[in-house]
Protein backbone atom coordinates (compact mmCIF):
# COMPACT_ATOMS: atom_id res chain seq x y z
CA GLN A 1 9.42 -23.59 67.17
CA VAL A 2 11.36 -20.49 68.17
CA GLN A 3 10.82 -19.14 71.66
CA LEU A 4 12.63 -16.29 73.37
CA VAL A 5 12.36 -15.72 77.11
CA GLU A 6 13.81 -12.64 78.76
CA SER A 7 14.83 -12.50 82.40
CA GLY A 8 16.69 -10.24 84.79
CA GLY A 9 14.29 -7.35 85.11
CA GLY A 10 13.19 -5.87 88.39
CA LEU A 11 13.08 -2.79 90.57
CA VAL A 12 16.32 -0.86 90.92
CA GLN A 13 17.23 2.54 92.31
CA PRO A 14 18.56 5.28 90.03
CA GLY A 15 22.23 4.70 89.40
CA GLY A 16 21.88 0.97 89.86
CA SER A 17 22.55 -1.88 87.48
CA LEU A 18 20.74 -4.85 86.03
CA ARG A 19 21.69 -7.54 83.54
CA LEU A 20 19.05 -8.86 81.22
CA SER A 21 19.31 -12.28 79.59
CA CYS A 22 17.43 -13.88 76.75
CA ALA A 23 17.06 -17.65 76.63
CA ALA A 24 16.18 -19.20 73.32
CA SER A 25 14.87 -22.45 72.01
CA GLY A 26 14.72 -23.34 68.37
CA LEU A 27 17.47 -21.04 67.18
CA THR A 28 21.17 -20.35 67.56
CA PHE A 29 21.73 -16.71 68.46
CA SER A 30 25.19 -16.55 66.91
CA ASN A 31 23.61 -16.95 63.47
CA TYR A 32 21.45 -13.84 63.75
CA LEU A 33 21.47 -10.17 64.52
CA ILE A 34 19.83 -9.79 67.95
CA SER A 35 18.29 -6.63 69.30
CA TRP A 36 16.94 -5.36 72.58
CA VAL A 37 13.84 -3.20 72.23
CA ARG A 38 11.95 -1.46 75.02
CA GLN A 39 8.54 0.02 75.59
CA ALA A 40 8.09 2.60 78.30
CA PRO A 41 4.68 3.01 79.94
CA GLY A 42 2.32 4.74 77.55
CA LYS A 43 4.91 4.98 74.78
CA GLY A 44 5.83 3.14 71.62
CA LEU A 45 8.58 0.66 70.96
CA GLU A 46 12.14 1.96 71.04
CA TRP A 47 15.10 0.04 69.65
CA VAL A 48 17.83 0.09 72.31
CA SER A 49 20.76 -1.99 71.15
CA GLY A 50 21.81 -4.71 68.75
CA ILE A 51 24.63 -7.16 68.19
CA SER A 52 25.47 -8.52 64.77
CA VAL A 53 26.67 -11.96 63.73
CA GLY A 54 30.14 -10.51 63.69
CA THR A 55 29.61 -9.06 67.21
CA ASN A 56 29.47 -5.49 66.05
CA THR A 57 27.29 -3.53 68.42
CA ARG A 58 25.11 -0.46 68.21
CA TYR A 59 23.15 1.57 70.75
CA VAL A 60 20.55 4.28 70.81
CA ASP A 61 22.15 7.55 71.90
CA SER A 62 20.29 7.65 75.21
CA VAL A 63 21.98 4.47 76.48
CA GLU A 64 25.40 4.80 74.82
CA GLY A 65 28.11 4.41 77.45
CA ARG A 66 25.71 2.97 80.04
CA PHE A 67 24.44 -0.22 78.41
CA THR A 68 26.49 -3.04 76.96
CA ILE A 69 25.13 -5.77 74.73
CA SER A 70 26.96 -9.07 74.49
CA ARG A 71 26.45 -12.65 73.51
CA ASP A 72 27.74 -15.88 75.01
CA ASN A 73 27.72 -18.33 72.14
CA ALA A 74 28.50 -21.30 74.37
CA LYS A 75 25.38 -20.58 76.40
CA ASN A 76 23.40 -19.40 73.36
CA THR A 77 22.42 -16.33 75.35
CA PRO A 78 22.55 -12.62 74.61
CA TYR A 79 22.76 -10.14 77.46
CA LEU A 80 22.11 -6.49 78.08
CA GLN A 81 24.17 -5.07 80.92
CA MET A 82 22.54 -1.87 82.09
CA ASN A 83 24.50 0.48 84.35
CA SER A 84 23.79 3.95 85.71
CA LEU A 85 20.11 3.35 85.27
CA LYS A 86 17.79 6.33 85.12
CA PRO A 87 14.05 6.60 85.76
CA GLU A 88 13.55 7.14 82.03
CA ASP A 89 14.94 3.64 81.42
CA THR A 90 11.81 2.22 83.02
CA ALA A 91 10.22 -0.02 80.42
CA VAL A 92 9.44 -3.54 79.34
CA TYR A 93 12.52 -4.85 77.58
CA TYR A 94 12.24 -7.36 74.76
CA CYS A 95 14.85 -9.35 72.91
CA ALA A 96 14.17 -9.93 69.27
CA LYS A 97 15.74 -11.78 66.36
CA GLY A 98 16.48 -10.02 63.11
CA ILE A 99 14.88 -11.37 59.94
CA VAL A 100 18.11 -10.91 58.04
CA ASN A 101 21.57 -10.01 59.26
CA THR A 102 21.54 -6.34 58.43
CA TRP A 103 21.01 -3.37 60.72
CA ALA A 104 18.00 -2.30 58.66
CA SER A 105 16.28 -5.64 59.16
CA GLY A 106 12.96 -6.01 60.86
CA MET A 107 12.51 -8.56 63.61
CA ASP A 108 10.46 -11.71 63.34
CA TYR A 109 10.66 -13.36 66.76
CA TRP A 110 10.18 -11.59 70.06
CA GLY A 111 10.13 -12.61 73.68
CA LYS A 112 7.34 -11.59 76.03
CA GLY A 113 9.54 -9.05 77.76
CA THR A 114 10.90 -8.34 81.21
CA LEU A 115 9.95 -5.26 83.22
CA VAL A 116 12.65 -2.88 84.41
CA THR A 117 11.57 -0.26 86.91
CA VAL A 118 14.02 2.44 87.96
CA SER A 119 12.73 4.29 90.98
CA SER A 120 13.77 5.43 94.41
């Protein structure tokens, strides 16, 4: 059974940093395209970033240059390093596994999310 568990969220001041992690059981992250998706209060889901099997990375424009996605294959853990955080980054952040290893793929397994609050 596949389970994803995000951690690392919390309250941070504008301009601060957080690193999110995603622990998995039942799958090996290096075999799949992994994405981070967020949902701000009262809004829909927004894809934030993804890392392919070949470690190519992509970002939504609003986080480009501030967020970095990575993956530690030895620890079977993907990360999302978030710097220069803004209040508009406040959201629940989810990690999700791609169904197939293409950027157009949907996602079939999701964690329960970790809350990031950016506020002074």
